[in-house]
Protein backbone atom coordinates (compact mmCIF):
# COMPACT_ATOMS: atom_id res chain seq x y z
CA UNK A 1 0.00 0.00 0.00
CA UNK A 2 0.99 3.62 -0.42
CA UNK A 3 3.05 5.09 2.41
CA UNK A 4 1.64 8.64 2.34
CA UNK A 5 -1.79 7.95 3.83
CA UNK A 6 -2.91 10.94 5.86
CA UNK A 7 -5.53 10.90 8.63
CA UNK A 8 -7.71 13.28 6.63
CA UNK A 9 -8.32 10.53 4.06
CA UNK A 10 -10.13 8.54 6.74
CA UNK A 11 -12.32 11.59 7.46
CA UNK A 12 -13.43 11.79 3.81
CA UNK A 13 -14.41 8.13 3.29
CA UNK A 14 -16.79 6.99 6.04
CA UNK A 15 -17.79 3.47 4.95
CA UNK A 16 -18.49 1.29 1.93
CA UNK A 17 -22.11 0.77 0.90
CA UNK A 18 -23.08 -2.89 0.60
CA UNK A 19 -26.50 -3.11 -1.05
CA UNK A 20 -28.01 -4.95 -3.98
CA UNK A 21 -27.51 -1.90 -6.18
CA UNK A 22 -23.85 -1.61 -5.09
CA UNK A 23 -23.28 -5.29 -5.86
CA UNK A 24 -24.67 -4.88 -9.37
CA UNK A 25 -22.52 -1.76 -9.88
CA UNK A 26 -19.39 -3.68 -8.82
CA UNK A 27 -19.79 -5.82 -11.96
CA UNK A 28 -19.16 -2.63 -13.97
CA UNK A 29 -16.00 -1.65 -12.01
CA UNK A 30 -17.90 0.76 -9.70
CA UNK A 31 -17.82 0.95 -5.91
CA UNK A 32 -20.18 2.91 -3.63
CA UNK A 33 -19.00 4.71 -0.49
CA UNK A 34 -20.65 6.83 2.17
CA UNK A 35 -18.58 10.02 2.33
CA UNK A 36 -18.41 13.18 4.44
CA UNK A 37 -21.06 15.79 3.61
CA UNK A 38 -18.44 18.46 2.78
CA UNK A 39 -16.19 16.15 0.72
CA UNK A 40 -15.49 17.23 -2.86
CA UNK A 41 -14.92 14.95 -5.84
CA UNK A 42 -11.14 15.62 -5.99
CA UNK A 43 -10.84 14.88 -2.25
CA UNK A 44 -12.79 11.63 -2.65
CA UNK A 45 -10.66 10.59 -5.63
CA UNK A 46 -7.41 11.28 -3.77
CA UNK A 47 -8.59 9.44 -0.63
CA UNK A 48 -9.69 6.33 -2.57
CA UNK A 49 -6.43 6.21 -4.55
CA UNK A 50 -4.29 6.55 -1.39
CA UNK A 51 -6.30 4.21 0.87
CA UNK A 52 -6.90 1.36 -1.58
CA UNK A 53 -3.90 1.82 -3.93
CA UNK A 54 -6.06 1.88 -7.08
CA UNK A 55 -6.52 4.25 -10.03
CA UNK A 56 -9.85 6.14 -10.10
CA UNK A 57 -11.43 6.96 -13.46
CA UNK A 58 -14.29 9.15 -12.20
CA UNK A 59 -16.33 10.07 -9.13
CA UNK A 60 -20.06 10.81 -9.09
CA UNK A 61 -21.72 12.04 -5.90
CA UNK A 62 -25.28 12.23 -4.63
CA UNK A 63 -26.96 13.40 -1.46
CA UNK A 64 -29.52 10.94 -0.15
CA UNK A 65 -32.22 12.85 1.70
CA UNK A 66 -33.12 11.59 5.19
CA UNK A 67 -36.52 9.98 5.60
CA UNK A 68 -39.20 11.45 7.85
CA UNK A 69 -40.34 8.92 10.44
CA UNK A 70 -43.09 8.97 13.04
CA UNK A 71 -42.46 7.30 16.40
CA UNK A 72 -45.24 7.34 19.00
CA UNK A 73 -46.80 10.34 17.32
CA UNK A 74 -43.61 12.38 17.24
CA UNK A 75 -42.15 13.27 13.86
CA UNK A 76 -38.44 12.93 13.42
CA UNK A 77 -36.11 12.71 10.48
CA UNK A 78 -33.03 10.72 9.62
CA UNK A 79 -29.90 12.62 8.64
CA UNK A 80 -29.03 13.28 5.02
CA UNK A 81 -26.08 11.23 3.76
CA UNK A 82 -23.69 11.84 0.89
CA UNK A 83 -22.62 8.92 -1.27
CA UNK A 84 -19.97 8.57 -3.93
CA UNK A 85 -20.04 6.21 -6.90
CA UNK A 86 -16.39 5.63 -7.76
CA UNK A 87 -15.55 4.22 -11.20
CA UNK A 88 -12.18 2.46 -11.28
CA UNK A 89 -9.78 2.10 -14.20
CA UNK A 90 -9.65 -1.26 -15.98
CA UNK A 91 -7.66 -3.85 -14.06
CA UNK A 92 -8.22 -2.23 -10.64
CA UNK A 93 -10.60 -3.67 -8.04
CA UNK A 94 -11.70 -2.94 -4.50
CA UNK A 95 -13.17 -5.77 -2.44
CA UNK A 96 -15.25 -3.95 0.19
CA UNK A 97 -15.91 -7.15 2.15
CA UNK A 98 -12.26 -7.41 3.30
CA UNK A 99 -11.83 -3.84 4.61
CA UNK A 100 -8.56 -1.91 4.78
C-alpha atoms as a PDB file:
ATOM      1  CA  UNK A   1       0.000   0.000   0.000  1.00  0.00           C
ATOM      2  CA  UNK A   2       0.994   3.615  -0.424  1.00  0.00           C
ATOM      3  CA  UNK A   3       3.052   5.090   2.414  1.00  0.00           C
ATOM      4  CA  UNK A   4       1.645   8.635   2.340  1.00  0.00           C
ATOM      5  CA  UNK A   5      -1.785   7.955   3.829  1.00  0.00           C
ATOM      6  CA  UNK A   6      -2.906  10.944   5.855  1.00  0.00           C
ATOM      7  CA  UNK A   7      -5.526  10.898   8.635  1.00  0.00           C
ATOM      8  CA  UNK A   8      -7.712  13.280   6.626  1.00  0.00           C
ATOM      9  CA  UNK A   9      -8.318  10.526   4.056  1.00  0.00           C
ATOM     10  CA  UNK A  10     -10.128   8.538   6.743  1.00  0.00           C
ATOM     11  CA  UNK A  11     -12.319  11.590   7.457  1.00  0.00           C
ATOM     12  CA  UNK A  12     -13.429  11.789   3.807  1.00  0.00           C
ATOM     13  CA  UNK A  13     -14.409   8.128   3.293  1.00  0.00           C
ATOM     14  CA  UNK A  14     -16.785   6.993   6.041  1.00  0.00           C
ATOM     15  CA  UNK A  15     -17.794   3.467   4.948  1.00  0.00           C
ATOM     16  CA  UNK A  16     -18.487   1.288   1.931  1.00  0.00           C
ATOM     17  CA  UNK A  17     -22.105   0.771   0.902  1.00  0.00           C
ATOM     18  CA  UNK A  18     -23.080  -2.894   0.596  1.00  0.00           C
ATOM     19  CA  UNK A  19     -26.496  -3.110  -1.053  1.00  0.00           C
ATOM     20  CA  UNK A  20     -28.011  -4.953  -3.979  1.00  0.00           C
ATOM     21  CA  UNK A  21     -27.508  -1.896  -6.177  1.00  0.00           C
ATOM     22  CA  UNK A  22     -23.851  -1.612  -5.086  1.00  0.00           C
ATOM     23  CA  UNK A  23     -23.276  -5.289  -5.855  1.00  0.00           C
ATOM     24  CA  UNK A  24     -24.671  -4.885  -9.371  1.00  0.00           C
ATOM     25  CA  UNK A  25     -22.522  -1.761  -9.876  1.00  0.00           C
ATOM     26  CA  UNK A  26     -19.392  -3.678  -8.825  1.00  0.00           C
ATOM     27  CA  UNK A  27     -19.785  -5.823 -11.955  1.00  0.00           C
ATOM     28  CA  UNK A  28     -19.159  -2.626 -13.975  1.00  0.00           C
ATOM     29  CA  UNK A  29     -16.004  -1.653 -12.011  1.00  0.00           C
ATOM     30  CA  UNK A  30     -17.896   0.761  -9.705  1.00  0.00           C
ATOM     31  CA  UNK A  31     -17.817   0.951  -5.908  1.00  0.00           C
ATOM     32  CA  UNK A  32     -20.181   2.909  -3.632  1.00  0.00           C
ATOM     33  CA  UNK A  33     -18.999   4.707  -0.489  1.00  0.00           C
ATOM     34  CA  UNK A  34     -20.653   6.826   2.169  1.00  0.00           C
ATOM     35  CA  UNK A  35     -18.583  10.023   2.334  1.00  0.00           C
ATOM     36  CA  UNK A  36     -18.406  13.185   4.444  1.00  0.00           C
ATOM     37  CA  UNK A  37     -21.056  15.791   3.611  1.00  0.00           C
ATOM     38  CA  UNK A  38     -18.444  18.461   2.781  1.00  0.00           C
ATOM     39  CA  UNK A  39     -16.192  16.147   0.722  1.00  0.00           C
ATOM     40  CA  UNK A  40     -15.485  17.226  -2.858  1.00  0.00           C
ATOM     41  CA  UNK A  41     -14.920  14.946  -5.841  1.00  0.00           C
ATOM     42  CA  UNK A  42     -11.138  15.617  -5.990  1.00  0.00           C
ATOM     43  CA  UNK A  43     -10.839  14.882  -2.254  1.00  0.00           C
ATOM     44  CA  UNK A  44     -12.790  11.632  -2.654  1.00  0.00           C
ATOM     45  CA  UNK A  45     -10.663  10.595  -5.631  1.00  0.00           C
ATOM     46  CA  UNK A  46      -7.413  11.278  -3.767  1.00  0.00           C
ATOM     47  CA  UNK A  47      -8.592   9.444  -0.631  1.00  0.00           C
ATOM     48  CA  UNK A  48      -9.690   6.333  -2.570  1.00  0.00           C
ATOM     49  CA  UNK A  49      -6.433   6.215  -4.545  1.00  0.00           C
ATOM     50  CA  UNK A  50      -4.291   6.546  -1.393  1.00  0.00           C
ATOM     51  CA  UNK A  51      -6.298   4.214   0.872  1.00  0.00           C
ATOM     52  CA  UNK A  52      -6.896   1.358  -1.577  1.00  0.00           C
ATOM     53  CA  UNK A  53      -3.900   1.823  -3.930  1.00  0.00           C
ATOM     54  CA  UNK A  54      -6.064   1.877  -7.085  1.00  0.00           C
ATOM     55  CA  UNK A  55      -6.518   4.252 -10.035  1.00  0.00           C
ATOM     56  CA  UNK A  56      -9.848   6.138 -10.101  1.00  0.00           C
ATOM     57  CA  UNK A  57     -11.428   6.958 -13.457  1.00  0.00           C
ATOM     58  CA  UNK A  58     -14.292   9.150 -12.203  1.00  0.00           C
ATOM     59  CA  UNK A  59     -16.332  10.074  -9.132  1.00  0.00           C
ATOM     60  CA  UNK A  60     -20.060  10.813  -9.088  1.00  0.00           C
ATOM     61  CA  UNK A  61     -21.722  12.043  -5.901  1.00  0.00           C
ATOM     62  CA  UNK A  62     -25.283  12.233  -4.634  1.00  0.00           C
ATOM     63  CA  UNK A  63     -26.963  13.400  -1.456  1.00  0.00           C
ATOM     64  CA  UNK A  64     -29.515  10.943  -0.155  1.00  0.00           C
ATOM     65  CA  UNK A  65     -32.223  12.845   1.698  1.00  0.00           C
ATOM     66  CA  UNK A  66     -33.123  11.590   5.187  1.00  0.00           C
ATOM     67  CA  UNK A  67     -36.525   9.975   5.599  1.00  0.00           C
ATOM     68  CA  UNK A  68     -39.201  11.450   7.847  1.00  0.00           C
ATOM     69  CA  UNK A  69     -40.345   8.923  10.438  1.00  0.00           C
ATOM     70  CA  UNK A  70     -43.091   8.974  13.041  1.00  0.00           C
ATOM     71  CA  UNK A  71     -42.465   7.298  16.397  1.00  0.00           C
ATOM     72  CA  UNK A  72     -45.243   7.340  19.004  1.00  0.00           C
ATOM     73  CA  UNK A  73     -46.804  10.339  17.318  1.00  0.00           C
ATOM     74  CA  UNK A  74     -43.606  12.376  17.236  1.00  0.00           C
ATOM     75  CA  UNK A  75     -42.145  13.274  13.858  1.00  0.00           C
ATOM     76  CA  UNK A  76     -38.443  12.932  13.418  1.00  0.00           C
ATOM     77  CA  UNK A  77     -36.112  12.706  10.475  1.00  0.00           C
ATOM     78  CA  UNK A  78     -33.032  10.719   9.623  1.00  0.00           C
ATOM     79  CA  UNK A  79     -29.903  12.618   8.643  1.00  0.00           C
ATOM     80  CA  UNK A  80     -29.034  13.282   5.016  1.00  0.00           C
ATOM     81  CA  UNK A  81     -26.082  11.234   3.764  1.00  0.00           C
ATOM     82  CA  UNK A  82     -23.691  11.838   0.893  1.00  0.00           C
ATOM     83  CA  UNK A  83     -22.618   8.918  -1.269  1.00  0.00           C
ATOM     84  CA  UNK A  84     -19.975   8.573  -3.933  1.00  0.00           C
ATOM     85  CA  UNK A  85     -20.045   6.215  -6.899  1.00  0.00           C
ATOM     86  CA  UNK A  86     -16.388   5.628  -7.755  1.00  0.00           C
ATOM     87  CA  UNK A  87     -15.548   4.215 -11.200  1.00  0.00           C
ATOM     88  CA  UNK A  88     -12.182   2.460 -11.281  1.00  0.00           C
ATOM     89  CA  UNK A  89      -9.782   2.100 -14.197  1.00  0.00           C
ATOM     90  CA  UNK A  90      -9.651  -1.257 -15.978  1.00  0.00           C
ATOM     91  CA  UNK A  91      -7.656  -3.851 -14.060  1.00  0.00           C
ATOM     92  CA  UNK A  92      -8.224  -2.235 -10.635  1.00  0.00           C
ATOM     93  CA  UNK A  93     -10.604  -3.674  -8.044  1.00  0.00           C
ATOM     94  CA  UNK A  94     -11.699  -2.941  -4.496  1.00  0.00           C
ATOM     95  CA  UNK A  95     -13.169  -5.773  -2.441  1.00  0.00           C
ATOM     96  CA  UNK A  96     -15.252  -3.953   0.187  1.00  0.00           C
ATOM     97  CA  UNK A  97     -15.913  -7.146   2.148  1.00  0.00           C
ATOM     98  CA  UNK A  98     -12.258  -7.408   3.295  1.00  0.00           C
ATOM     99  CA  UNK A  99     -11.832  -3.837   4.612  1.00  0.00           C
ATOM    100  CA  UNK A 100      -8.562  -1.911   4.780  1.00  0.00           C
END
